[in-house]
Amino acid sequence: MTEFVLVAGTWLGSWAWDEVVPELRAAGHGAHAVTLSGLAEKQGVPAGQRRHVQDIVDAVEHNDLRDVVLVGHSYAGIPTGQAAELIGDRLARVIFVDSSVPAEGESFLSGWPDGRAMVEGAIAETGGFWPPPAAPEYAGQGLTDEQINRIVTGSPHPGASLTEPATLSRPLGELPATYIKCLLDGAEPNPDVAALLTSDRWRLVEMDTGHWPMFSQPRELARVLLAEAAKTS
């Protein structure tokens, strides 16, 4: 039995996986959705990126999970990629869902050269948090109005986690990994991901949907996760 540990990106909590978790459990696997510190029911908890890495490690270790597939979406790819190194032989695979990936000494905002000033300005104006963008920003991502509203009413994201640099103990390309590229959010992986995909331990899967497949195509996403876990076994 595979144990999936699911971590959503900015503004979201464990609730983001509500339509994916039942699909994974119905297939006979464990599914554990994680809320990162400072978000959703954990609002008010101090949170930087290192805290988010520990949130994920704690979810694995406190539940004594084995044969773990870590799933990190969007921003959460950065702490998930670091946590994958730290859980040792508990890890079966890490799956990055249209996500950022950690790079030694680089932060989430390092990958936003054109948008960094905008995000930093928003964080400064809202007391250290990045609020969800307005509904029109989600156009063209395969989402219904109801799905967009769920994201827009999510939690402001703790800004410290977006600026804190990642720390890696070995090259990320050495991890057994799958990258899911959501094509409505761009046809090609970014250069950092493309370089990692040259590793024989990494696989690329494409989904014809937008950046939030747990909302737009939850059953299809679950099928991809199950297929990738089966290849790991």
C-alpha atoms as a PDB file:
ATOM      1  CA  MET A   1       0.000   0.000   0.000  1.00  0.00           C
ATOM      2  CA  THR A   2       1.296   3.399  -0.965  1.00  0.00           C
ATOM      3  CA  GLU A   3       0.945   6.295   1.472  1.00  0.00           C
ATOM      4  CA  PHE A   4       0.314   9.543  -0.409  1.00  0.00           C
ATOM      5  CA  VAL A   5       1.195  12.769   1.426  1.00  0.00           C
ATOM      6  CA  LEU A   6      -0.417  15.687  -0.401  1.00  0.00           C
ATOM      7  CA  VAL A   7       0.668  19.314  -0.008  1.00  0.00           C
ATOM      8  CA  ALA A   8      -1.064  22.164  -1.824  1.00  0.00           C
ATOM      9  CA  GLY A   9       0.455  25.483  -2.820  1.00  0.00           C
ATOM     10  CA  THR A  10      -0.059  29.075  -1.735  1.00  0.00           C
ATOM     11  CA  TRP A  11      -3.328  30.111  -0.048  1.00  0.00           C
ATOM     12  CA  LEU A  12      -4.554  26.520   0.280  1.00  0.00           C
ATOM     13  CA  GLY A  13      -4.859  23.983   3.079  1.00  0.00           C
ATOM     14  CA  SER A  14      -5.515  20.263   3.280  1.00  0.00           C
ATOM     15  CA  TRP A  15      -9.066  20.985   2.081  1.00  0.00           C
ATOM     16  CA  ALA A  16      -7.720  21.533  -1.444  1.00  0.00           C
ATOM     17  CA  TRP A  17      -7.396  17.746  -1.823  1.00  0.00           C
ATOM     18  CA  ASP A  18     -10.947  16.878  -0.725  1.00  0.00           C
ATOM     19  CA  GLU A  19     -11.875  15.486  -4.151  1.00  0.00           C
ATOM     20  CA  VAL A  20      -8.570  13.643  -4.662  1.00  0.00           C
ATOM     21  CA  VAL A  21      -8.180  11.874  -1.314  1.00  0.00           C
ATOM     22  CA  PRO A  22     -11.304   9.657  -1.698  1.00  0.00           C
ATOM     23  CA  GLU A  23     -10.094   8.471  -5.112  1.00  0.00           C
ATOM     24  CA  LEU A  24      -6.739   7.388  -3.686  1.00  0.00           C
ATOM     25  CA  ARG A  25      -8.323   5.654  -0.691  1.00  0.00           C
ATOM     26  CA  ALA A  26     -10.874   3.885  -2.893  1.00  0.00           C
ATOM     27  CA  ALA A  27      -7.918   2.371  -4.754  1.00  0.00           C
ATOM     28  CA  GLY A  28      -6.660   0.895  -1.477  1.00  0.00           C
ATOM     29  CA  HIS A  29      -3.972   3.394  -0.562  1.00  0.00           C
ATOM     30  CA  GLY A  30      -3.392   5.802   2.297  1.00  0.00           C
ATOM     31  CA  ALA A  31      -3.891   9.518   1.626  1.00  0.00           C
ATOM     32  CA  HIS A  32      -2.800  12.240   4.024  1.00  0.00           C
ATOM     33  CA  ALA A  33      -3.464  15.860   3.084  1.00  0.00           C
ATOM     34  CA  VAL A  34      -1.229  18.337   4.922  1.00  0.00           C
ATOM     35  CA  THR A  35      -1.988  21.929   5.872  1.00  0.00           C
ATOM     36  CA  LEU A  36       1.208  23.966   6.058  1.00  0.00           C
ATOM     37  CA  SER A  37       1.779  26.227   9.058  1.00  0.00           C
ATOM     38  CA  GLY A  38       0.244  29.677   8.757  1.00  0.00           C
ATOM     39  CA  LEU A  39      -2.570  28.542   6.437  1.00  0.00           C
ATOM     40  CA  ALA A  40      -6.212  27.460   6.801  1.00  0.00           C
ATOM     41  CA  GLU A  41      -6.763  25.949  10.267  1.00  0.00           C
ATOM     42  CA  LYS A  42      -3.120  26.712  11.107  1.00  0.00           C
ATOM     43  CA  GLN A  43      -3.399  30.465  10.584  1.00  0.00           C
ATOM     44  CA  GLY A  44      -1.500  32.349  13.258  1.00  0.00           C
ATOM     45  CA  VAL A  45       1.260  29.739  13.478  1.00  0.00           C
ATOM     46  CA  PRO A  46       4.629  31.365  12.605  1.00  0.00           C
ATOM     47  CA  ALA A  47       5.822  29.940   9.314  1.00  0.00           C
ATOM     48  CA  GLY A  48       8.874  30.143   7.115  1.00  0.00           C
ATOM     49  CA  GLN A  49       9.935  27.690   4.469  1.00  0.00           C
ATOM     50  CA  ARG A  50      11.933  25.568   6.933  1.00  0.00           C
ATOM     51  CA  ARG A  51       8.805  25.224   9.071  1.00  0.00           C
ATOM     52  CA  HIS A  52       6.925  24.006   6.016  1.00  0.00           C
ATOM     53  CA  VAL A  53       9.594  21.400   5.312  1.00  0.00           C
ATOM     54  CA  GLN A  54       9.228  20.180   8.882  1.00  0.00           C
ATOM     55  CA  ASP A  55       5.417  20.091   8.581  1.00  0.00           C
ATOM     56  CA  ILE A  56       5.793  17.551   5.785  1.00  0.00           C
ATOM     57  CA  VAL A  57       8.469  15.496   7.553  1.00  0.00           C
ATOM     58  CA  ASP A  58       6.317  15.454  10.697  1.00  0.00           C
ATOM     59  CA  ALA A  59       3.294  14.169   8.733  1.00  0.00           C
ATOM     60  CA  VAL A  60       5.395  11.211   7.586  1.00  0.00           C
ATOM     61  CA  GLU A  61       7.239  10.452  10.808  1.00  0.00           C
ATOM     62  CA  HIS A  62       4.451  11.025  13.332  1.00  0.00           C
ATOM     63  CA  ASN A  63       2.205   8.653  11.372  1.00  0.00           C
ATOM     64  CA  ASP A  64       5.091   6.205  10.836  1.00  0.00           C
ATOM     65  CA  LEU A  65       4.389   6.099   7.111  1.00  0.00           C
ATOM     66  CA  ARG A  66       6.337   3.866   4.726  1.00  0.00           C
ATOM     67  CA  ASP A  67       6.317   3.558   0.936  1.00  0.00           C
ATOM     68  CA  VAL A  68       5.588   7.288   0.829  1.00  0.00           C
ATOM     69  CA  VAL A  69       4.760   9.252  -2.299  1.00  0.00           C
ATOM     70  CA  LEU A  70       5.121  12.949  -1.518  1.00  0.00           C
ATOM     71  CA  VAL A  71       2.990  15.200  -3.720  1.00  0.00           C
ATOM     72  CA  GLY A  72       3.800  18.917  -3.840  1.00  0.00           C
ATOM     73  CA  HIS A  73       1.738  21.438  -5.810  1.00  0.00           C
ATOM     74  CA  SER A  74       2.897  24.906  -6.931  1.00  0.00           C
ATOM     75  CA  TYR A  75       4.884  26.641  -4.125  1.00  0.00           C
ATOM     76  CA  ALA A  76       4.722  23.434  -2.061  1.00  0.00           C
ATOM     77  CA  GLY A  77       7.099  21.733  -4.475  1.00  0.00           C
ATOM     78  CA  ILE A  78       9.898  23.634  -2.752  1.00  0.00           C
ATOM     79  CA  PRO A  79       9.370  22.311   0.804  1.00  0.00           C
ATOM     80  CA  THR A  80       8.225  18.932  -0.548  1.00  0.00           C
ATOM     81  CA  GLY A  81      11.434  18.472  -2.533  1.00  0.00           C
ATOM     82  CA  GLN A  82      13.492  19.227   0.560  1.00  0.00           C
ATOM     83  CA  ALA A  83      11.370  16.953   2.774  1.00  0.00           C
ATOM     84  CA  ALA A  84      11.873  14.121   0.269  1.00  0.00           C
ATOM     85  CA  GLU A  85      15.584  14.147   1.093  1.00  0.00           C
ATOM     86  CA  LEU A  86      14.920  14.056   4.825  1.00  0.00           C
ATOM     87  CA  ILE A  87      12.581  11.067   5.097  1.00  0.00           C
ATOM     88  CA  GLY A  88      15.215   8.627   3.849  1.00  0.00           C
ATOM     89  CA  ASP A  89      14.101   5.145   2.871  1.00  0.00           C
ATOM     90  CA  ARG A  90      10.480   5.953   3.670  1.00  0.00           C
ATOM     91  CA  LEU A  91      10.324   7.702   0.279  1.00  0.00           C
ATOM     92  CA  ALA A  92       9.076   5.808  -2.753  1.00  0.00           C
ATOM     93  CA  ARG A  93       8.673   8.805  -5.045  1.00  0.00           C
ATOM     94  CA  VAL A  94       8.106  12.562  -5.059  1.00  0.00           C
ATOM     95  CA  ILE A  95       5.571  14.032  -7.489  1.00  0.00           C
ATOM     96  CA  PHE A  96       5.701  17.714  -8.367  1.00  0.00           C
ATOM     97  CA  VAL A  97       2.335  19.022  -9.593  1.00  0.00           C
ATOM     98  CA  ASP A  98       2.967  22.016 -11.884  1.00  0.00           C
ATOM     99  CA  SER A  99       5.228  23.231  -9.127  1.00  0.00           C
ATOM    100  CA  SER A 100       8.329  25.142  -8.301  1.00  0.00           C
ATOM    101  CA  VAL A 101      11.306  22.958  -7.413  1.00  0.00           C
ATOM    102  CA  PRO A 102      13.892  23.725  -4.732  1.00  0.00           C
ATOM    103  CA  ALA A 103      17.352  24.952  -5.701  1.00  0.00           C
ATOM    104  CA  GLU A 104      20.177  25.385  -3.214  1.00  0.00           C
ATOM    105  CA  GLY A 105      20.203  28.935  -1.841  1.00  0.00           C
ATOM    106  CA  GLU A 106      17.191  30.021  -3.915  1.00  0.00           C
ATOM    107  CA  SER A 107      13.703  30.952  -2.732  1.00  0.00           C
ATOM    108  CA  PHE A 108      10.248  30.697  -4.306  1.00  0.00           C
ATOM    109  CA  LEU A 109      10.543  34.310  -5.405  1.00  0.00           C
ATOM    110  CA  SER A 110      13.908  33.632  -7.051  1.00  0.00           C
ATOM    111  CA  GLY A 111      11.898  31.946  -9.794  1.00  0.00           C
ATOM    112  CA  TRP A 112       9.718  35.026 -10.250  1.00  0.00           C
ATOM    113  CA  PRO A 113      12.122  37.591 -11.750  1.00  0.00           C
ATOM    114  CA  ASP A 114       9.292  39.493 -13.438  1.00  0.00           C
ATOM    115  CA  GLY A 115       6.804  39.238 -10.590  1.00  0.00           C
ATOM    116  CA  ARG A 116       9.013  39.440  -7.546  1.00  0.00           C
ATOM    117  CA  ALA A 117       8.509  43.168  -6.940  1.00  0.00           C
ATOM    118  CA  MET A 118       4.747  42.744  -7.217  1.00  0.00           C
ATOM    119  CA  VAL A 119       4.660  39.887  -4.691  1.00  0.00           C
ATOM    120  CA  GLU A 120       7.038  41.619  -2.282  1.00  0.00           C
ATOM    121  CA  GLY A 121       4.917  44.773  -2.500  1.00  0.00           C
ATOM    122  CA  ALA A 122       1.762  42.820  -1.715  1.00  0.00           C
ATOM    123  CA  ILE A 123       3.475  41.145   1.253  1.00  0.00           C
ATOM    124  CA  ALA A 124       4.625  44.522   2.605  1.00  0.00           C
ATOM    125  CA  GLU A 125       1.144  46.015   2.250  1.00  0.00           C
ATOM    126  CA  THR A 126      -0.610  43.154   4.055  1.00  0.00           C
ATOM    127  CA  GLY A 127       1.567  42.747   7.123  1.00  0.00           C
ATOM    128  CA  GLY A 128       3.785  39.943   5.893  1.00  0.00           C
ATOM    129  CA  PHE A 129       1.292  37.867   3.912  1.00  0.00           C
ATOM    130  CA  TRP A 130       0.602  37.310   0.212  1.00  0.00           C
ATOM    131  CA  PRO A 131      -3.161  37.522  -0.390  1.00  0.00           C
ATOM    132  CA  PRO A 132      -4.846  35.428  -3.100  1.00  0.00           C
ATOM    133  CA  PRO A 133      -5.151  37.295  -6.411  1.00  0.00           C
ATOM    134  CA  ALA A 134      -8.577  38.473  -7.549  1.00  0.00           C
ATOM    135  CA  ALA A 135     -10.817  36.115  -9.514  1.00  0.00           C
ATOM    136  CA  PRO A 136      -9.928  37.430 -13.013  1.00  0.00           C
ATOM    137  CA  GLU A 137      -6.336  36.228 -12.515  1.00  0.00           C
ATOM    138  CA  TYR A 138      -7.526  32.603 -12.763  1.00  0.00           C
ATOM    139  CA  ALA A 139      -9.034  32.891 -16.235  1.00  0.00           C
ATOM    140  CA  GLY A 140      -7.978  30.272 -18.769  1.00  0.00           C
ATOM    141  CA  GLN A 141      -7.068  27.646 -16.155  1.00  0.00           C
ATOM    142  CA  GLY A 142     -10.007  25.303 -16.670  1.00  0.00           C
ATOM    143  CA  LEU A 143     -11.740  26.360 -13.454  1.00  0.00           C
ATOM    144  CA  THR A 144     -15.421  27.019 -12.821  1.00  0.00           C
ATOM    145  CA  ASP A 145     -16.513  30.200 -11.037  1.00  0.00           C
ATOM    146  CA  GLU A 146     -17.206  28.138  -7.928  1.00  0.00           C
ATOM    147  CA  GLN A 147     -13.715  26.613  -7.998  1.00  0.00           C
ATOM    148  CA  ILE A 148     -12.124  30.026  -8.466  1.00  0.00           C
ATOM    149  CA  ASN A 149     -14.094  31.354  -5.516  1.00  0.00           C
ATOM    150  CA  ARG A 150     -12.754  28.545  -3.317  1.00  0.00           C
ATOM    151  CA  ILE A 151      -9.170  29.553  -4.107  1.00  0.00           C
ATOM    152  CA  VAL A 152      -9.805  33.300  -3.835  1.00  0.00           C
ATOM    153  CA  THR A 153     -11.279  32.852  -0.359  1.00  0.00           C
ATOM    154  CA  GLY A 154      -8.260  30.865   0.815  1.00  0.00           C
ATOM    155  CA  SER A 155      -5.747  32.032   3.413  1.00  0.00           C
ATOM    156  CA  PRO A 156      -3.206  34.811   2.870  1.00  0.00           C
ATOM    157  CA  HIS A 157       0.117  33.023   2.510  1.00  0.00           C
ATOM    158  CA  PRO A 158       2.963  33.704   5.006  1.00  0.00           C
ATOM    159  CA  GLY A 159       5.477  35.834   3.143  1.00  0.00           C
ATOM    160  CA  ALA A 160       8.544  34.542   4.993  1.00  0.00           C
ATOM    161  CA  SER A 161       8.117  31.129   3.372  1.00  0.00           C
ATOM    162  CA  LEU A 162       8.360  32.723  -0.085  1.00  0.00           C
ATOM    163  CA  THR A 163      11.650  34.509   0.548  1.00  0.00           C
ATOM    164  CA  GLU A 164      13.543  31.959   2.640  1.00  0.00           C
ATOM    165  CA  PRO A 165      16.165  30.030   0.604  1.00  0.00           C
ATOM    166  CA  ALA A 166      16.074  26.278   0.124  1.00  0.00           C
ATOM    167  CA  THR A 167      18.727  23.904   1.427  1.00  0.00           C
ATOM    168  CA  LEU A 168      19.571  20.664  -0.363  1.00  0.00           C
ATOM    169  CA  SER A 169      22.008  17.990   0.768  1.00  0.00           C
ATOM    170  CA  ARG A 170      22.321  16.362  -2.673  1.00  0.00           C
ATOM    171  CA  PRO A 171      21.294  17.049  -6.276  1.00  0.00           C
ATOM    172  CA  LEU A 172      17.530  16.978  -6.711  1.00  0.00           C
ATOM    173  CA  GLY A 173      17.926  14.924  -9.883  1.00  0.00           C
ATOM    174  CA  GLU A 174      18.976  11.943  -7.771  1.00  0.00           C
ATOM    175  CA  LEU A 175      15.497  11.613  -6.265  1.00  0.00           C
ATOM    176  CA  PRO A 176      12.923   9.306  -7.884  1.00  0.00           C
ATOM    177  CA  ALA A 177      10.516  11.931  -9.194  1.00  0.00           C
ATOM    178  CA  THR A 178       7.657  12.718 -11.536  1.00  0.00           C
ATOM    179  CA  TYR A 179       6.832  16.189 -12.802  1.00  0.00           C
ATOM    180  CA  ILE A 180       3.219  16.830 -13.830  1.00  0.00           C
ATOM    181  CA  LYS A 181       3.018  19.711 -16.307  1.00  0.00           C
ATOM    182  CA  CYS A 182      -0.407  21.339 -16.576  1.00  0.00           C
ATOM    183  CA  LEU A 183      -0.547  22.565 -20.149  1.00  0.00           C
ATOM    184  CA  LEU A 184      -3.008  25.448 -19.724  1.00  0.00           C
ATOM    185  CA  ASP A 185      -0.388  27.033 -17.469  1.00  0.00           C
ATOM    186  CA  GLY A 186       2.308  26.833 -20.160  1.00  0.00           C
ATOM    187  CA  ALA A 187       3.254  24.203 -22.697  1.00  0.00           C
ATOM    188  CA  GLU A 188       6.783  23.578 -21.452  1.00  0.00           C
ATOM    189  CA  PRO A 189       8.390  23.071 -18.032  1.00  0.00           C
ATOM    190  CA  ASN A 190      10.587  25.940 -16.891  1.00  0.00           C
ATOM    191  CA  PRO A 191      14.344  25.620 -17.527  1.00  0.00           C
ATOM    192  CA  ASP A 192      15.130  24.363 -14.003  1.00  0.00           C
ATOM    193  CA  VAL A 193      12.604  21.565 -14.355  1.00  0.00           C
ATOM    194  CA  ALA A 194      13.684  20.776 -17.919  1.00  0.00           C
ATOM    195  CA  ALA A 195      17.246  20.282 -16.672  1.00  0.00           C
ATOM    196  CA  LEU A 196      16.059  17.913 -13.933  1.00  0.00           C
ATOM    197  CA  LEU A 197      14.045  15.914 -16.466  1.00  0.00           C
ATOM    198  CA  THR A 198      17.280  14.888 -18.157  1.00  0.00           C
ATOM    199  CA  SER A 199      17.878  12.614 -15.138  1.00  0.00           C
ATOM    200  CA  ASP A 200      16.943   8.980 -15.705  1.00  0.00           C
ATOM    201  CA  ARG A 201      15.202   9.079 -12.307  1.00  0.00           C
ATOM    202  CA  TRP A 202      12.709  11.751 -13.389  1.00  0.00           C
ATOM    203  CA  ARG A 203       9.587  11.356 -15.511  1.00  0.00           C
ATOM    204  CA  LEU A 204       7.338  13.927 -17.198  1.00  0.00           C
ATOM    205  CA  VAL A 205       3.540  13.604 -17.313  1.00  0.00           C
ATOM    206  CA  GLU A 206       1.318  16.169 -19.028  1.00  0.00           C
ATOM    207  CA  MET A 207      -2.256  17.063 -18.086  1.00  0.00           C
ATOM    208  CA  ASP A 208      -4.526  19.101 -20.340  1.00  0.00           C
ATOM    209  CA  THR A 209      -5.744  21.398 -17.609  1.00  0.00           C
ATOM    210  CA  GLY A 210      -4.656  24.439 -15.602  1.00  0.00           C
ATOM    211  CA  HIS A 211      -2.469  25.060 -12.593  1.00  0.00           C
ATOM    212  CA  TRP A 212      -4.983  23.744 -10.024  1.00  0.00           C
ATOM    213  CA  PRO A 213      -5.806  20.196 -11.217  1.00  0.00           C
ATOM    214  CA  MET A 214      -7.037  19.101  -7.774  1.00  0.00           C
ATOM    215  CA  PHE A 215     -10.010  21.376  -8.503  1.00  0.00           C
ATOM    216  CA  SER A 216     -10.312  21.269 -12.291  1.00  0.00           C
ATOM    217  CA  GLN A 217      -9.610  17.543 -12.835  1.00  0.00           C
ATOM    218  CA  PRO A 218      -9.433  15.769  -9.447  1.00  0.00           C
ATOM    219  CA  ARG A 219     -10.249  12.274 -10.728  1.00  0.00           C
ATOM    220  CA  GLU A 220      -7.795  12.576 -13.593  1.00  0.00           C
ATOM    221  CA  LEU A 221      -5.120  13.829 -11.204  1.00  0.00           C
ATOM    222  CA  ALA A 222      -5.774  10.921  -8.846  1.00  0.00           C
ATOM    223  CA  ARG A 223      -5.389   8.497 -11.755  1.00  0.00           C
ATOM    224  CA  VAL A 224      -2.025  10.034 -12.645  1.00  0.00           C
ATOM    225  CA  LEU A 225      -0.850   9.801  -9.025  1.00  0.00           C
ATOM    226  CA  LEU A 226      -1.911   6.162  -8.827  1.00  0.00           C
ATOM    227  CA  ALA A 227      -0.228   5.320 -12.108  1.00  0.00           C
ATOM    228  CA  GLU A 228       3.041   6.930 -11.039  1.00  0.00           C
ATOM    229  CA  ALA A 229       2.937   5.127  -7.673  1.00  0.00           C
ATOM    230  CA  ALA A 230       2.380   1.820  -9.459  1.00  0.00           C
ATOM    231  CA  LYS A 231       5.466   2.389 -11.599  1.00  0.00           C
ATOM    232  CA  THR A 232       7.458   3.009  -8.410  1.00  0.00           C
ATOM    233  CA  SER A 233       6.364  -0.265  -6.823  1.00  0.00           C
END
